[in-house]
Amino acid sequence: MTRTHTIVFVLVAAVALALGLAVNQVLSSRSNPAALLDAGIVLLPQPRTLPALSMTNQDGQTTPVNAFKDDWTLLFFGYTFCPDICPATLAQLRQLQGQLPEATRERLRIVLVSVDPHRDTPEQLKKYLGYFDPSFQGLTGEEANLQKLANAVSIPYIPADTSKENYTVDHSGNLVIIGPDGTQRGFIRAPVNIAKLAKQLPELISGN
């Protein structure tokens, strides 16, 4: 083997080794798909873009729904007058946050999207969410925008007949996972499994 051939061989080997290490690092940083599913986390094959529309947050500020970026976001569609699933889920999410490492907790926001804009004013949302965790955020707005957002992220709900006293709203208990790039990455199936999510979410978030 000539000196030139030797140099080429060494360079090719070095590149192959570097690529191998890089691939191994990527693969080892990925979460176990089976473990994610077992925790109720269902990832989409391709990220899904959120619609370009705005709603109002718990502080009365206009918030574009496709502006949830930089951190991870869990969207929960519910309402403050919900008699069961909503308070139970928010209490579980508060408990989940308490079990997450600080680094994960700092990169995760919880947002309640109201399916009852008739009663859920920004003031009502802020007061209600404060019972669970002051860091929880809320969104409310026009029914048309709410329907567009719900359809875009595949969260079904049935608008209520607001003429009835003490009406309830039928809605899904699934959570929507929004990545740091502002796209939908998947779902967390209801009911929430706190112990399994506390183990899998840090791996999912740290790997992206």
N, C-alpha and C. Protein backbone atom coordinates (compact mmCIF):
# COMPACT_ATOMS: atom_id res chain seq x y z
N MET A 1 0.85 -1.20 0.00
CA MET A 1 0.00 0.00 0.00
C MET A 1 0.89 1.24 0.00
N THR A 2 0.65 2.19 -0.94
CA THR A 2 1.46 3.41 -1.02
C THR A 2 1.09 4.34 0.12
N ARG A 3 1.94 5.36 0.31
CA ARG A 3 1.69 6.34 1.39
C ARG A 3 0.37 7.08 1.15
N THR A 4 0.10 7.38 -0.14
CA THR A 4 -1.16 8.07 -0.47
C THR A 4 -2.37 7.21 -0.12
N HIS A 5 -2.27 5.91 -0.47
CA HIS A 5 -3.37 4.98 -0.15
C HIS A 5 -3.57 4.88 1.36
N THR A 6 -2.49 4.89 2.09
CA THR A 6 -2.57 4.79 3.55
C THR A 6 -3.27 5.99 4.14
N ILE A 7 -2.90 7.18 3.64
CA ILE A 7 -3.53 8.40 4.15
C ILE A 7 -5.02 8.40 3.85
N VAL A 8 -5.38 8.01 2.62
CA VAL A 8 -6.80 7.95 2.23
C VAL A 8 -7.54 6.97 3.13
N PHE A 9 -6.93 5.79 3.35
CA PHE A 9 -7.56 4.77 4.17
C PHE A 9 -7.81 5.28 5.59
N VAL A 10 -6.79 5.98 6.15
CA VAL A 10 -6.92 6.51 7.51
C VAL A 10 -8.02 7.56 7.58
N LEU A 11 -8.07 8.44 6.56
CA LEU A 11 -9.11 9.47 6.54
C LEU A 11 -10.50 8.87 6.44
N VAL A 12 -10.65 7.87 5.55
CA VAL A 12 -11.95 7.20 5.39
C VAL A 12 -12.36 6.53 6.70
N ALA A 13 -11.41 5.87 7.35
CA ALA A 13 -11.70 5.20 8.62
C ALA A 13 -12.11 6.20 9.69
N ALA A 14 -11.40 7.35 9.71
CA ALA A 14 -11.70 8.38 10.70
C ALA A 14 -13.10 8.94 10.49
N VAL A 15 -13.44 9.21 9.21
CA VAL A 15 -14.78 9.72 8.89
C VAL A 15 -15.85 8.70 9.27
N ALA A 16 -15.59 7.43 8.95
CA ALA A 16 -16.55 6.37 9.27
C ALA A 16 -16.75 6.27 10.78
N LEU A 17 -15.65 6.39 11.54
CA LEU A 17 -15.75 6.32 12.99
C LEU A 17 -16.55 7.49 13.54
N ALA A 18 -16.27 8.68 13.00
CA ALA A 18 -16.99 9.88 13.46
C ALA A 18 -18.47 9.76 13.16
N LEU A 19 -18.80 9.29 11.94
CA LEU A 19 -20.21 9.12 11.58
C LEU A 19 -20.87 8.07 12.46
N GLY A 20 -20.13 7.00 12.73
CA GLY A 20 -20.68 5.95 13.58
C GLY A 20 -20.98 6.45 14.97
N LEU A 21 -20.07 7.23 15.53
CA LEU A 21 -20.29 7.80 16.86
C LEU A 21 -21.47 8.75 16.87
N ALA A 22 -21.58 9.55 15.79
CA ALA A 22 -22.68 10.51 15.70
C ALA A 22 -24.02 9.79 15.62
N VAL A 23 -24.08 8.76 14.77
CA VAL A 23 -25.32 7.99 14.64
C VAL A 23 -25.67 7.31 15.96
N ASN A 24 -24.67 6.74 16.61
CA ASN A 24 -24.90 6.07 17.88
C ASN A 24 -25.41 7.04 18.93
N GLN A 25 -24.86 8.28 18.91
CA GLN A 25 -25.31 9.27 19.88
C GLN A 25 -26.76 9.64 19.65
N VAL A 26 -27.12 9.81 18.36
CA VAL A 26 -28.51 10.16 18.04
C VAL A 26 -29.44 9.05 18.44
N LEU A 27 -29.08 7.81 18.10
CA LEU A 27 -29.95 6.69 18.42
C LEU A 27 -30.09 6.49 19.91
N SER A 28 -28.99 6.66 20.65
CA SER A 28 -29.04 6.44 22.09
C SER A 28 -29.81 7.52 22.80
N SER A 29 -29.96 8.73 22.17
CA SER A 29 -30.68 9.82 22.82
C SER A 29 -32.18 9.74 22.59
N ARG A 30 -32.58 8.88 21.67
CA ARG A 30 -34.00 8.77 21.39
C ARG A 30 -34.70 7.95 22.47
N SER A 31 -35.94 8.37 22.76
CA SER A 31 -36.71 7.63 23.74
C SER A 31 -37.18 6.31 23.14
N ASN A 32 -37.44 5.36 24.00
CA ASN A 32 -37.92 4.05 23.59
C ASN A 32 -39.38 4.18 23.15
N PRO A 33 -39.71 3.91 21.87
CA PRO A 33 -41.09 4.07 21.39
C PRO A 33 -42.09 3.26 22.20
N ALA A 34 -41.72 2.04 22.57
CA ALA A 34 -42.64 1.20 23.35
C ALA A 34 -42.90 1.80 24.72
N ALA A 35 -41.85 2.36 25.34
CA ALA A 35 -42.00 2.98 26.65
C ALA A 35 -42.86 4.24 26.56
N LEU A 36 -42.70 4.99 25.47
CA LEU A 36 -43.52 6.18 25.27
C LEU A 36 -45.00 5.80 25.16
N LEU A 37 -45.29 4.79 24.35
CA LEU A 37 -46.67 4.35 24.18
C LEU A 37 -47.25 3.84 25.49
N ASP A 38 -46.43 3.13 26.25
CA ASP A 38 -46.88 2.62 27.53
C ASP A 38 -47.23 3.75 28.49
N ALA A 39 -46.56 4.89 28.33
CA ALA A 39 -46.84 6.06 29.17
C ALA A 39 -47.99 6.89 28.62
N GLY A 40 -48.56 6.45 27.49
CA GLY A 40 -49.67 7.18 26.88
C GLY A 40 -49.26 8.25 25.90
N ILE A 41 -47.96 8.31 25.57
CA ILE A 41 -47.44 9.31 24.63
C ILE A 41 -47.48 8.74 23.21
N VAL A 42 -48.23 9.39 22.34
CA VAL A 42 -48.35 8.98 20.94
C VAL A 42 -47.77 10.08 20.08
N LEU A 43 -46.65 9.81 19.41
CA LEU A 43 -46.00 10.81 18.56
C LEU A 43 -46.50 10.69 17.13
N LEU A 44 -46.68 11.83 16.47
CA LEU A 44 -47.11 11.84 15.08
C LEU A 44 -45.96 11.47 14.16
N PRO A 45 -46.24 10.83 13.03
CA PRO A 45 -45.17 10.50 12.07
C PRO A 45 -44.46 11.75 11.56
N GLN A 46 -45.23 12.84 11.39
CA GLN A 46 -44.69 14.12 10.94
C GLN A 46 -45.27 15.23 11.82
N PRO A 47 -44.45 16.23 12.19
CA PRO A 47 -44.98 17.37 12.96
C PRO A 47 -46.12 18.05 12.20
N ARG A 48 -47.05 18.61 12.95
CA ARG A 48 -48.22 19.24 12.35
C ARG A 48 -48.24 20.73 12.69
N THR A 49 -48.34 21.58 11.66
CA THR A 49 -48.34 23.03 11.87
C THR A 49 -49.66 23.49 12.45
N LEU A 50 -49.61 24.38 13.44
CA LEU A 50 -50.82 24.93 14.04
C LEU A 50 -51.35 26.08 13.18
N PRO A 51 -52.66 26.32 13.20
CA PRO A 51 -53.23 27.39 12.38
C PRO A 51 -52.79 28.77 12.87
N ALA A 52 -52.75 29.72 11.93
CA ALA A 52 -52.35 31.09 12.26
C ALA A 52 -53.58 31.86 12.73
N LEU A 53 -53.93 31.68 13.99
CA LEU A 53 -55.05 32.41 14.57
C LEU A 53 -54.69 32.81 16.00
N SER A 54 -55.43 33.78 16.53
CA SER A 54 -55.12 34.30 17.85
C SER A 54 -56.27 34.09 18.81
N MET A 55 -55.92 33.90 20.10
CA MET A 55 -56.91 33.81 21.16
C MET A 55 -56.47 34.76 22.28
N THR A 56 -57.17 34.72 23.39
CA THR A 56 -56.86 35.63 24.51
C THR A 56 -56.42 34.81 25.70
N ASN A 57 -55.30 35.20 26.32
CA ASN A 57 -54.81 34.42 27.46
C ASN A 57 -55.44 34.88 28.76
N GLN A 58 -55.02 34.28 29.87
CA GLN A 58 -55.62 34.54 31.17
C GLN A 58 -55.37 35.95 31.68
N ASP A 59 -54.43 36.66 31.04
CA ASP A 59 -54.14 38.04 31.41
C ASP A 59 -54.79 39.04 30.46
N GLY A 60 -55.64 38.53 29.57
CA GLY A 60 -56.34 39.41 28.63
C GLY A 60 -55.50 39.82 27.44
N GLN A 61 -54.36 39.16 27.23
CA GLN A 61 -53.47 39.50 26.13
C GLN A 61 -53.74 38.62 24.91
N THR A 62 -53.66 39.22 23.74
CA THR A 62 -53.82 38.46 22.49
C THR A 62 -52.63 37.55 22.29
N THR A 63 -52.90 36.27 22.05
CA THR A 63 -51.84 35.27 21.93
C THR A 63 -52.03 34.43 20.67
N PRO A 64 -51.10 34.50 19.71
CA PRO A 64 -51.16 33.61 18.55
C PRO A 64 -50.94 32.16 19.00
N VAL A 65 -51.78 31.25 18.56
CA VAL A 65 -51.66 29.86 19.02
C VAL A 65 -50.44 29.16 18.42
N ASN A 66 -49.88 29.72 17.35
CA ASN A 66 -48.68 29.12 16.78
C ASN A 66 -47.41 29.80 17.31
N ALA A 67 -47.55 30.53 18.43
CA ALA A 67 -46.40 31.23 19.01
C ALA A 67 -45.83 30.51 20.22
N PHE A 68 -46.35 29.33 20.56
CA PHE A 68 -45.81 28.56 21.67
C PHE A 68 -44.53 27.87 21.21
N LYS A 69 -43.42 28.56 21.34
CA LYS A 69 -42.15 28.05 20.86
C LYS A 69 -41.09 28.12 21.96
N ASP A 70 -39.91 27.64 21.62
CA ASP A 70 -38.75 27.63 22.52
C ASP A 70 -38.86 26.55 23.60
N ASP A 71 -40.02 26.43 24.23
CA ASP A 71 -40.26 25.39 25.24
C ASP A 71 -41.28 24.38 24.71
N TRP A 72 -41.45 23.30 25.45
CA TRP A 72 -42.50 22.33 25.14
C TRP A 72 -43.81 22.77 25.80
N THR A 73 -44.93 22.42 25.18
CA THR A 73 -46.23 22.82 25.69
C THR A 73 -47.19 21.64 25.68
N LEU A 74 -47.98 21.52 26.75
CA LEU A 74 -49.08 20.56 26.79
C LEU A 74 -50.38 21.36 26.77
N LEU A 75 -51.17 21.16 25.72
CA LEU A 75 -52.48 21.81 25.62
C LEU A 75 -53.55 20.86 26.11
N PHE A 76 -54.38 21.36 27.04
CA PHE A 76 -55.50 20.57 27.53
C PHE A 76 -56.78 21.33 27.24
N PHE A 77 -57.69 20.72 26.48
CA PHE A 77 -58.95 21.36 26.14
C PHE A 77 -59.98 21.03 27.23
N GLY A 78 -60.47 22.05 27.91
CA GLY A 78 -61.43 21.85 28.99
C GLY A 78 -62.13 23.15 29.32
N TYR A 79 -62.71 23.24 30.51
CA TYR A 79 -63.38 24.48 30.90
C TYR A 79 -63.51 24.54 32.42
N THR A 80 -63.66 25.75 32.92
CA THR A 80 -63.58 25.96 34.36
C THR A 80 -64.82 25.49 35.13
N PHE A 81 -65.92 25.30 34.44
CA PHE A 81 -67.14 24.81 35.10
C PHE A 81 -67.29 23.29 34.96
N CYS A 82 -66.27 22.64 34.46
CA CYS A 82 -66.28 21.19 34.28
C CYS A 82 -66.41 20.50 35.65
N PRO A 83 -67.31 19.54 35.79
CA PRO A 83 -67.53 18.94 37.10
C PRO A 83 -66.56 17.82 37.48
N ASP A 84 -65.82 17.28 36.51
CA ASP A 84 -65.01 16.10 36.86
C ASP A 84 -63.65 16.02 36.18
N ILE A 85 -63.62 15.76 34.87
CA ILE A 85 -62.36 15.45 34.20
C ILE A 85 -61.36 16.61 34.24
N CYS A 86 -61.84 17.84 34.13
CA CYS A 86 -60.92 18.98 34.09
C CYS A 86 -60.20 19.22 35.43
N PRO A 87 -60.92 19.34 36.54
CA PRO A 87 -60.20 19.52 37.80
C PRO A 87 -59.30 18.34 38.14
N ALA A 88 -59.74 17.12 37.78
CA ALA A 88 -58.92 15.94 38.05
C ALA A 88 -57.63 15.98 37.23
N THR A 89 -57.75 16.32 35.94
CA THR A 89 -56.58 16.36 35.06
C THR A 89 -55.61 17.46 35.47
N LEU A 90 -56.12 18.63 35.80
CA LEU A 90 -55.24 19.74 36.21
C LEU A 90 -54.53 19.40 37.52
N ALA A 91 -55.21 18.72 38.42
CA ALA A 91 -54.57 18.30 39.67
C ALA A 91 -53.47 17.29 39.38
N GLN A 92 -53.71 16.40 38.42
CA GLN A 92 -52.68 15.42 38.04
C GLN A 92 -51.48 16.10 37.39
N LEU A 93 -51.75 17.11 36.56
CA LEU A 93 -50.65 17.83 35.91
C LEU A 93 -49.82 18.60 36.94
N ARG A 94 -50.47 19.13 37.94
CA ARG A 94 -49.73 19.78 39.03
C ARG A 94 -48.85 18.76 39.75
N GLN A 95 -49.40 17.60 40.00
CA GLN A 95 -48.63 16.55 40.66
C GLN A 95 -47.48 16.07 39.76
N LEU A 96 -47.74 15.97 38.46
CA LEU A 96 -46.71 15.57 37.52
C LEU A 96 -45.55 16.55 37.53
N GLN A 97 -45.84 17.82 37.51
CA GLN A 97 -44.78 18.82 37.53
C GLN A 97 -43.90 18.68 38.77
N GLY A 98 -44.52 18.32 39.88
CA GLY A 98 -43.75 18.15 41.11
C GLY A 98 -42.80 16.97 41.07
N GLN A 99 -43.03 16.03 40.15
CA GLN A 99 -42.18 14.84 40.03
C GLN A 99 -41.16 14.95 38.91
N LEU A 100 -41.22 16.01 38.13
CA LEU A 100 -40.29 16.18 37.02
C LEU A 100 -39.01 16.85 37.50
N PRO A 101 -37.87 16.52 36.89
CA PRO A 101 -36.63 17.23 37.21
C PRO A 101 -36.78 18.71 36.89
N GLU A 102 -36.06 19.54 37.59
CA GLU A 102 -36.18 20.99 37.40
C GLU A 102 -35.90 21.39 35.95
N ALA A 103 -34.91 20.75 35.33
CA ALA A 103 -34.57 21.09 33.95
C ALA A 103 -35.73 20.83 33.00
N THR A 104 -36.48 19.74 33.24
CA THR A 104 -37.65 19.43 32.41
C THR A 104 -38.79 20.38 32.71
N ARG A 105 -39.01 20.62 33.98
CA ARG A 105 -40.10 21.50 34.42
C ARG A 105 -39.94 22.91 33.83
N GLU A 106 -38.71 23.37 33.73
CA GLU A 106 -38.46 24.71 33.21
C GLU A 106 -38.71 24.81 31.71
N ARG A 107 -38.74 23.66 31.04
CA ARG A 107 -38.96 23.65 29.59
C ARG A 107 -40.37 23.21 29.20
N LEU A 108 -41.27 23.15 30.18
CA LEU A 108 -42.62 22.64 29.93
C LEU A 108 -43.67 23.62 30.44
N ARG A 109 -44.58 24.02 29.57
CA ARG A 109 -45.69 24.87 29.99
C ARG A 109 -47.00 24.10 29.84
N ILE A 110 -47.94 24.39 30.73
CA ILE A 110 -49.26 23.77 30.71
C ILE A 110 -50.28 24.83 30.33
N VAL A 111 -51.10 24.56 29.32
CA VAL A 111 -52.07 25.53 28.83
C VAL A 111 -53.45 24.90 28.75
N LEU A 112 -54.43 25.52 29.41
CA LEU A 112 -55.83 25.10 29.31
C LEU A 112 -56.51 25.92 28.22
N VAL A 113 -57.01 25.24 27.18
CA VAL A 113 -57.76 25.90 26.12
C VAL A 113 -59.24 25.71 26.42
N SER A 114 -59.95 26.80 26.63
CA SER A 114 -61.35 26.69 27.04
C SER A 114 -62.26 26.27 25.90
N VAL A 115 -63.10 25.28 26.16
CA VAL A 115 -64.14 24.88 25.20
C VAL A 115 -65.47 25.50 25.60
N ASP A 116 -65.40 26.48 26.52
CA ASP A 116 -66.60 27.17 27.01
C ASP A 116 -66.33 28.68 27.02
N PRO A 117 -66.09 29.27 25.83
CA PRO A 117 -65.77 30.70 25.80
C PRO A 117 -66.90 31.59 26.27
N HIS A 118 -68.12 31.05 26.32
CA HIS A 118 -69.27 31.82 26.78
C HIS A 118 -69.11 32.23 28.25
N ARG A 119 -68.54 31.33 29.07
CA ARG A 119 -68.38 31.62 30.50
C ARG A 119 -66.94 31.86 30.91
N ASP A 120 -66.01 31.31 30.15
CA ASP A 120 -64.60 31.39 30.54
C ASP A 120 -63.95 32.68 30.05
N THR A 121 -64.12 33.73 30.81
CA THR A 121 -63.43 34.98 30.54
C THR A 121 -61.97 34.84 30.99
N PRO A 122 -61.10 35.75 30.56
CA PRO A 122 -59.72 35.71 31.05
C PRO A 122 -59.64 35.74 32.57
N GLU A 123 -60.48 36.55 33.20
CA GLU A 123 -60.47 36.65 34.65
C GLU A 123 -60.86 35.32 35.30
N GLN A 124 -61.87 34.67 34.73
CA GLN A 124 -62.31 33.38 35.26
C GLN A 124 -61.23 32.33 35.10
N LEU A 125 -60.56 32.32 33.95
CA LEU A 125 -59.48 31.37 33.71
C LEU A 125 -58.34 31.56 34.71
N LYS A 126 -57.94 32.81 34.90
CA LYS A 126 -56.81 33.09 35.80
C LYS A 126 -57.13 32.67 37.23
N LYS A 127 -58.33 32.98 37.67
CA LYS A 127 -58.75 32.61 39.03
C LYS A 127 -58.78 31.09 39.18
N TYR A 128 -59.35 30.41 38.21
CA TYR A 128 -59.49 28.95 38.27
C TYR A 128 -58.14 28.26 38.25
N LEU A 129 -57.28 28.66 37.30
CA LEU A 129 -55.97 28.02 37.18
C LEU A 129 -55.10 28.28 38.40
N GLY A 130 -55.33 29.41 39.05
CA GLY A 130 -54.58 29.73 40.26
C GLY A 130 -54.81 28.75 41.38
N TYR A 131 -55.96 28.07 41.37
CA TYR A 131 -56.23 27.05 42.39
C TYR A 131 -55.29 25.86 42.25
N PHE A 132 -54.81 25.63 41.04
CA PHE A 132 -53.96 24.47 40.76
C PHE A 132 -52.48 24.85 40.74
N ASP A 133 -52.13 25.80 39.89
CA ASP A 133 -50.74 26.25 39.80
C ASP A 133 -50.74 27.60 39.07
N PRO A 134 -50.21 28.64 39.70
CA PRO A 134 -50.19 29.97 39.06
C PRO A 134 -49.42 30.00 37.74
N SER A 135 -48.56 29.01 37.52
CA SER A 135 -47.80 28.98 36.27
C SER A 135 -48.62 28.44 35.11
N PHE A 136 -49.75 27.78 35.40
CA PHE A 136 -50.60 27.27 34.33
C PHE A 136 -51.19 28.45 33.55
N GLN A 137 -51.27 28.30 32.24
CA GLN A 137 -51.80 29.35 31.39
C GLN A 137 -53.15 28.94 30.82
N GLY A 138 -53.92 29.92 30.36
CA GLY A 138 -55.23 29.64 29.79
C GLY A 138 -55.45 30.41 28.51
N LEU A 139 -56.30 29.88 27.64
CA LEU A 139 -56.67 30.54 26.39
C LEU A 139 -58.18 30.49 26.23
N THR A 140 -58.76 31.58 25.80
CA THR A 140 -60.18 31.62 25.47
C THR A 140 -60.33 32.51 24.25
N GLY A 141 -61.52 32.53 23.66
CA GLY A 141 -61.71 33.34 22.45
C GLY A 141 -62.99 33.00 21.74
N GLU A 142 -63.08 33.40 20.49
CA GLU A 142 -64.29 33.17 19.71
C GLU A 142 -64.46 31.69 19.41
N GLU A 143 -65.72 31.28 19.36
CA GLU A 143 -66.04 29.87 19.09
C GLU A 143 -65.43 29.40 17.78
N ALA A 144 -65.45 30.25 16.76
CA ALA A 144 -64.92 29.86 15.45
C ALA A 144 -63.43 29.54 15.52
N ASN A 145 -62.67 30.36 16.25
CA ASN A 145 -61.24 30.10 16.39
C ASN A 145 -60.97 28.84 17.20
N LEU A 146 -61.78 28.64 18.21
CA LEU A 146 -61.63 27.45 19.04
C LEU A 146 -61.86 26.19 18.22
N GLN A 147 -62.88 26.23 17.37
CA GLN A 147 -63.19 25.08 16.51
C GLN A 147 -62.04 24.81 15.55
N LYS A 148 -61.46 25.87 14.98
CA LYS A 148 -60.34 25.70 14.05
C LYS A 148 -59.15 25.05 14.74
N LEU A 149 -58.85 25.53 15.95
CA LEU A 149 -57.71 24.98 16.68
C LEU A 149 -57.97 23.53 17.06
N ALA A 150 -59.15 23.23 17.57
CA ALA A 150 -59.48 21.87 17.97
C ALA A 150 -59.42 20.91 16.79
N ASN A 151 -59.93 21.35 15.64
CA ASN A 151 -59.87 20.51 14.45
C ASN A 151 -58.44 20.29 13.98
N ALA A 152 -57.61 21.33 14.08
CA ALA A 152 -56.24 21.24 13.60
C ALA A 152 -55.41 20.24 14.40
N VAL A 153 -55.70 20.14 15.71
CA VAL A 153 -54.92 19.23 16.57
C VAL A 153 -55.69 17.95 16.89
N SER A 154 -56.83 17.75 16.22
CA SER A 154 -57.63 16.51 16.35
C SER A 154 -58.10 16.26 17.78
N ILE A 155 -58.61 17.30 18.42
CA ILE A 155 -59.22 17.17 19.75
C ILE A 155 -60.72 17.45 19.60
N PRO A 156 -61.56 16.42 19.63
CA PRO A 156 -62.99 16.64 19.43
C PRO A 156 -63.68 17.20 20.67
N TYR A 157 -64.65 18.05 20.41
CA TYR A 157 -65.55 18.51 21.48
C TYR A 157 -66.86 18.92 20.84
N ILE A 158 -67.91 18.95 21.63
CA ILE A 158 -69.24 19.31 21.13
C ILE A 158 -69.66 20.62 21.78
N PRO A 159 -69.79 21.70 21.00
CA PRO A 159 -70.22 22.98 21.57
C PRO A 159 -71.54 22.83 22.32
N ALA A 160 -71.62 23.46 23.47
CA ALA A 160 -72.80 23.30 24.33
C ALA A 160 -73.94 24.21 23.92
N ASP A 161 -75.12 23.84 24.35
CA ASP A 161 -76.29 24.71 24.21
C ASP A 161 -76.27 25.68 25.38
N THR A 162 -75.78 26.88 25.13
CA THR A 162 -75.58 27.84 26.22
C THR A 162 -76.89 28.43 26.75
N SER A 163 -78.00 28.11 26.10
CA SER A 163 -79.28 28.61 26.59
C SER A 163 -79.77 27.81 27.80
N LYS A 164 -79.16 26.63 28.01
CA LYS A 164 -79.54 25.80 29.14
C LYS A 164 -78.75 26.21 30.39
N GLU A 165 -79.40 26.18 31.53
CA GLU A 165 -78.75 26.53 32.78
C GLU A 165 -77.82 25.39 33.22
N ASN A 166 -76.64 25.78 33.72
CA ASN A 166 -75.65 24.81 34.20
C ASN A 166 -75.29 23.76 33.15
N TYR A 167 -75.13 24.20 31.91
CA TYR A 167 -74.80 23.28 30.83
C TYR A 167 -73.38 22.73 31.01
N THR A 168 -73.15 21.57 30.42
CA THR A 168 -71.81 20.98 30.40
C THR A 168 -71.34 20.86 28.95
N VAL A 169 -70.05 20.66 28.76
CA VAL A 169 -69.46 20.56 27.42
C VAL A 169 -68.76 19.21 27.29
N ASP A 170 -69.13 18.44 26.29
CA ASP A 170 -68.47 17.16 26.03
C ASP A 170 -67.16 17.42 25.28
N HIS A 171 -66.06 16.88 25.81
CA HIS A 171 -64.76 17.12 25.18
C HIS A 171 -63.81 15.97 25.48
N SER A 172 -62.75 15.88 24.69
CA SER A 172 -61.72 14.86 24.88
C SER A 172 -60.83 15.23 26.06
N GLY A 173 -60.30 14.19 26.72
CA GLY A 173 -59.38 14.41 27.83
C GLY A 173 -57.92 14.28 27.42
N ASN A 174 -57.67 14.05 26.12
CA ASN A 174 -56.28 13.91 25.66
C ASN A 174 -55.55 15.24 25.73
N LEU A 175 -54.23 15.17 25.89
CA LEU A 175 -53.39 16.36 25.89
C LEU A 175 -52.65 16.44 24.55
N VAL A 176 -52.46 17.65 24.07
CA VAL A 176 -51.72 17.88 22.82
C VAL A 176 -50.28 18.26 23.16
N ILE A 177 -49.32 17.61 22.50
CA ILE A 177 -47.91 17.90 22.72
C ILE A 177 -47.42 18.85 21.63
N ILE A 178 -46.96 20.04 22.04
CA ILE A 178 -46.41 21.03 21.12
C ILE A 178 -44.90 21.11 21.36
N GLY A 179 -44.12 20.95 20.30
CA GLY A 179 -42.67 20.99 20.42
C GLY A 179 -42.12 22.40 20.48
N PRO A 180 -40.83 22.56 20.74
CA PRO A 180 -40.22 23.88 20.85
C PRO A 180 -40.20 24.67 19.55
N ASP A 181 -40.52 24.01 18.44
CA ASP A 181 -40.60 24.72 17.15
C ASP A 181 -42.02 25.19 16.87
N GLY A 182 -42.95 24.96 17.82
CA GLY A 182 -44.32 25.43 17.66
C GLY A 182 -45.22 24.50 16.88
N THR A 183 -44.76 23.30 16.57
CA THR A 183 -45.58 22.34 15.84
C THR A 183 -46.11 21.26 16.78
N GLN A 184 -47.24 20.67 16.40
CA GLN A 184 -47.77 19.57 17.19
C GLN A 184 -46.93 18.33 16.95
N ARG A 185 -46.47 17.73 18.04
CA ARG A 185 -45.64 16.52 17.93
C ARG A 185 -46.43 15.25 18.22
N GLY A 186 -47.56 15.38 18.94
CA GLY A 186 -48.32 14.18 19.27
C GLY A 186 -49.36 14.43 20.33
N PHE A 187 -49.72 13.35 21.06
CA PHE A 187 -50.75 13.40 22.09
C PHE A 187 -50.28 12.66 23.34
N ILE A 188 -50.94 12.97 24.44
CA ILE A 188 -50.87 12.12 25.63
C ILE A 188 -52.29 11.64 25.88
N ARG A 189 -52.47 10.34 25.82
CA ARG A 189 -53.81 9.78 25.97
C ARG A 189 -54.31 9.89 27.41
N ALA A 190 -55.59 10.14 27.54
CA ALA A 190 -56.24 10.12 28.85
C ALA A 190 -56.64 8.68 29.18
N PRO A 191 -56.65 8.33 30.48
CA PRO A 191 -56.28 9.14 31.65
C PRO A 191 -54.77 9.24 31.81
N VAL A 192 -54.33 10.31 32.47
CA VAL A 192 -52.90 10.57 32.65
C VAL A 192 -52.29 9.57 33.64
N ASN A 193 -51.15 9.00 33.26
CA ASN A 193 -50.40 8.12 34.15
C ASN A 193 -49.19 8.89 34.65
N ILE A 194 -49.29 9.43 35.85
CA ILE A 194 -48.27 10.35 36.36
C ILE A 194 -46.91 9.68 36.48
N ALA A 195 -46.85 8.50 37.05
CA ALA A 195 -45.57 7.83 37.28
C ALA A 195 -44.82 7.57 35.97
N LYS A 196 -45.53 7.08 34.97
CA LYS A 196 -44.88 6.76 33.69
C LYS A 196 -44.50 8.02 32.92
N LEU A 197 -45.36 9.04 32.98
CA LEU A 197 -45.05 10.29 32.30
C LEU A 197 -43.84 10.97 32.94
N ALA A 198 -43.75 10.90 34.26
CA ALA A 198 -42.63 11.52 34.96
C ALA A 198 -41.30 10.91 34.54
N LYS A 199 -41.33 9.68 34.07
CA LYS A 199 -40.11 9.02 33.62
C LYS A 199 -39.83 9.29 32.15
N GLN A 200 -40.87 9.33 31.32
CA GLN A 200 -40.67 9.44 29.87
C GLN A 200 -40.56 10.87 29.36
N LEU A 201 -41.26 11.81 29.97
CA LEU A 201 -41.22 13.19 29.47
C LEU A 201 -39.81 13.79 29.50
N PRO A 202 -39.04 13.59 30.58
CA PRO A 202 -37.68 14.14 30.57
C PRO A 202 -36.83 13.61 29.42
N GLU A 203 -36.98 12.33 29.11
CA GLU A 203 -36.22 11.75 27.99
C GLU A 203 -36.67 12.32 26.66
N LEU A 204 -37.98 12.50 26.50
CA LEU A 204 -38.50 13.07 25.25
C LEU A 204 -38.03 14.51 25.07
N ILE A 205 -38.14 15.30 26.14
CA ILE A 205 -37.81 16.72 26.06
C ILE A 205 -36.30 16.95 25.93
N SER A 206 -35.51 16.19 26.66
CA SER A 206 -34.06 16.39 26.60
C SER A 206 -33.47 15.94 25.28
N GLY A 207 -34.18 15.06 24.57
CA GLY A 207 -33.67 14.55 23.31
C GLY A 207 -34.04 15.41 22.11
N ASN A 208 -34.72 16.53 22.37
CA ASN A 208 -35.17 17.40 21.26
C ASN A 208 -34.90 18.85 21.61
